[in-house]
C-alpha cells in the first residue's frame, strides 16, 4: 500500500539567530520532539508550517523572523491557510493525502476543512501533554 502520510509541524518561537535550514531554525523542545516523532513514523514527507513562509521543506534555507499566527486576525489566518494549501497542491495530491498535524491549533484550524484526510494526534492536549506524548511515542 502506498504511503500517503504527510506530517505538518508548526514552527516555534525559539529560533536560531542566523540564516539556516528550516529544520535547524526552530529550536523549541516541542519542535525537536515533533520532528523526531514525525521521522519515526516514516511518512511520505514532512513539512514545517511557518507563519511567515507558509509551507517549508526541512532543508529549505530561511532567514530568522518573528512572525507568528498568534498576531494574525482570523481573516489573515484563513488567507495564510489558503496560501499553504496552494503550496501543498504543487507538491502532493491533496485528494489522496492523509495530513498528520503536529501543530498548534492556530496552524490547523483553517487548514483542516480544506483537506479530505487528516489526523491531529495531540488535539486538545496542553504543551506538557504534547511533549509527553511525543516522548512516549517518538522513540
Protein backbone atom coordinates (compact mmCIF):
# COMPACT_ATOMS: atom_id res chain seq x y z
CA UNK A 1 0.00 0.00 0.00
CA UNK A 2 1.22 3.47 -0.89
CA UNK A 3 2.41 5.71 1.94
CA UNK A 4 0.29 8.84 1.61
CA UNK A 5 1.03 10.39 5.02
CA UNK A 6 2.34 13.93 5.14
CA UNK A 7 3.34 15.34 8.53
CA UNK A 8 2.90 19.06 9.12
CA UNK A 9 4.81 20.53 12.08
CA UNK A 10 4.32 24.08 13.31
CA UNK A 11 7.30 26.39 13.62
CA UNK A 12 8.36 27.63 17.04
CA UNK A 13 9.10 30.99 18.62
CA UNK A 14 12.55 29.84 19.75
CA UNK A 15 14.69 30.35 16.66
CA UNK A 16 18.27 30.47 15.52
CA UNK A 17 19.60 33.98 15.03
CA UNK A 18 21.21 33.29 11.66
CA UNK A 19 20.00 32.05 8.25
CA UNK A 20 19.90 28.26 8.17
CA UNK A 21 17.83 25.22 7.14
CA UNK A 22 14.25 25.33 8.42
CA UNK A 23 14.72 22.16 10.48
CA UNK A 24 17.61 23.87 12.30
CA UNK A 25 15.93 27.27 12.61
CA UNK A 26 13.30 26.21 15.11
CA UNK A 27 14.82 25.34 18.48
CA UNK A 28 11.99 24.67 20.94
CA UNK A 29 11.89 21.30 22.69
CA UNK A 30 8.35 20.74 21.33
CA UNK A 31 9.55 21.32 17.77
CA UNK A 32 12.51 18.96 18.21
CA UNK A 33 10.28 16.24 19.68
CA UNK A 34 7.70 16.75 16.91
CA UNK A 35 10.36 16.38 14.23
CA UNK A 36 11.79 13.26 15.87
CA UNK A 37 8.31 11.73 16.13
CA UNK A 38 7.49 12.68 12.53
CA UNK A 39 10.64 10.94 11.28
CA UNK A 40 9.89 7.86 13.42
CA UNK A 41 6.54 7.22 11.70
CA UNK A 42 8.25 7.25 8.29
CA UNK A 43 5.79 9.46 6.39
CA UNK A 44 5.95 10.15 2.67
CA UNK A 45 7.05 13.71 3.50
CA UNK A 46 7.47 16.16 6.39
CA UNK A 47 6.85 19.90 6.07
CA UNK A 48 7.08 22.76 8.53
CA UNK A 49 4.19 25.22 8.78
CA UNK A 50 5.65 28.71 9.09
CA UNK A 51 3.63 31.85 9.79
CA UNK A 52 5.99 33.83 7.54
CA UNK A 53 6.84 31.35 4.77
CA UNK A 54 3.80 29.06 4.74
CA UNK A 55 4.99 25.58 3.81
CA UNK A 56 8.69 24.80 4.28
CA UNK A 57 10.84 21.88 3.25
CA UNK A 58 13.06 20.68 6.12
CA UNK A 59 16.25 21.60 4.24
CA UNK A 60 14.94 24.92 2.88
CA UNK A 61 17.25 27.77 3.88
CA UNK A 62 15.40 30.62 5.59
CA UNK A 63 16.06 33.88 7.40
CA UNK A 64 15.22 34.33 11.08
CA UNK A 65 11.97 36.23 11.70
CA UNK A 66 9.45 36.87 14.45
CA UNK A 67 6.18 36.34 12.54
CA UNK A 68 3.53 34.31 14.37
CA UNK A 69 -0.04 33.27 13.61
CA UNK A 70 -0.94 34.42 17.13
CA UNK A 71 -0.84 38.03 15.92
CA UNK A 72 -2.97 37.41 12.82
CA UNK A 73 -6.67 38.12 12.53
CA UNK A 74 -8.98 35.26 11.56
CA UNK A 75 -9.17 36.67 8.01
CA UNK A 76 -5.35 36.78 7.78
CA UNK A 77 -5.17 33.24 9.17
CA UNK A 78 -7.67 32.00 6.56
CA UNK A 79 -5.61 33.61 3.78
CA UNK A 80 -2.46 32.01 5.23
CA UNK A 81 -4.20 28.59 5.23
CA UNK A 82 -5.33 29.08 1.64
CA UNK A 83 -1.77 30.00 0.62
CA UNK A 84 -0.41 26.90 2.40
CA UNK A 85 -2.99 24.73 0.62
CA UNK A 86 -1.84 26.16 -2.73
CA UNK A 87 1.77 25.36 -1.80
CA UNK A 88 0.73 21.81 -0.86
CA UNK A 89 -1.15 21.34 -4.15
CA UNK A 90 2.12 21.94 -6.02
CA UNK A 91 3.79 19.12 -4.08
CA UNK A 92 1.17 16.41 -3.38
CA UNK A 93 -2.23 15.15 -4.46
CA UNK A 94 -4.47 16.77 -1.83
CA UNK A 95 -7.35 14.38 -2.57
CA UNK A 96 -5.41 11.23 -1.62
CA UNK A 97 -3.04 12.54 1.05
CA UNK A 98 -3.51 11.99 4.78
CA UNK A 99 -2.22 15.01 6.69
CA UNK A 100 -0.92 14.41 10.20
CA UNK A 101 -0.86 17.72 12.07
CA UNK A 102 1.77 18.06 14.80
CA UNK A 103 0.90 21.69 15.18
CA UNK A 104 -0.80 24.22 17.38
CA UNK A 105 -4.49 24.75 16.72
CA UNK A 106 -3.90 28.10 15.02
CA UNK A 107 -1.89 26.25 12.37
CA UNK A 108 -4.50 23.61 11.55
CA UNK A 109 -7.83 25.24 12.39
CA UNK A 110 -8.34 26.79 8.93
CA UNK A 111 -6.46 24.07 7.03
CA UNK A 112 -8.34 21.07 8.37
CA UNK A 113 -11.52 21.78 6.41
CA UNK A 114 -9.56 22.22 3.18
CA UNK A 115 -8.20 18.65 3.12
CA UNK A 116 -10.04 15.35 2.79
CA UNK A 117 -8.00 13.19 5.18
CA UNK A 118 -6.32 14.33 8.36
CA UNK A 119 -5.24 13.33 11.86
CA UNK A 120 -4.46 15.51 14.86
CA UNK A 121 -2.91 13.06 17.33
CA UNK A 122 -2.33 15.72 20.00
CA UNK A 123 -5.65 17.55 19.65
CA UNK A 124 -6.82 19.00 22.95
CA UNK A 125 -3.51 18.40 24.75
CA UNK A 126 -1.63 21.18 26.51
CA UNK A 127 2.07 21.65 25.73
CA UNK A 128 3.20 19.41 28.61
CA UNK A 129 0.89 16.62 27.46
CA UNK A 130 2.05 17.06 23.87
CA UNK A 131 5.69 16.76 24.91
CA UNK A 132 4.95 13.64 26.96
CA UNK A 133 3.02 12.08 24.04
CA UNK A 134 5.93 12.78 21.68
CA UNK A 135 8.50 11.41 24.15
CA UNK A 136 6.43 8.25 24.70
CA UNK A 137 5.76 7.58 21.01
CA UNK A 138 8.72 9.06 19.10
CA UNK A 139 11.44 6.61 20.09
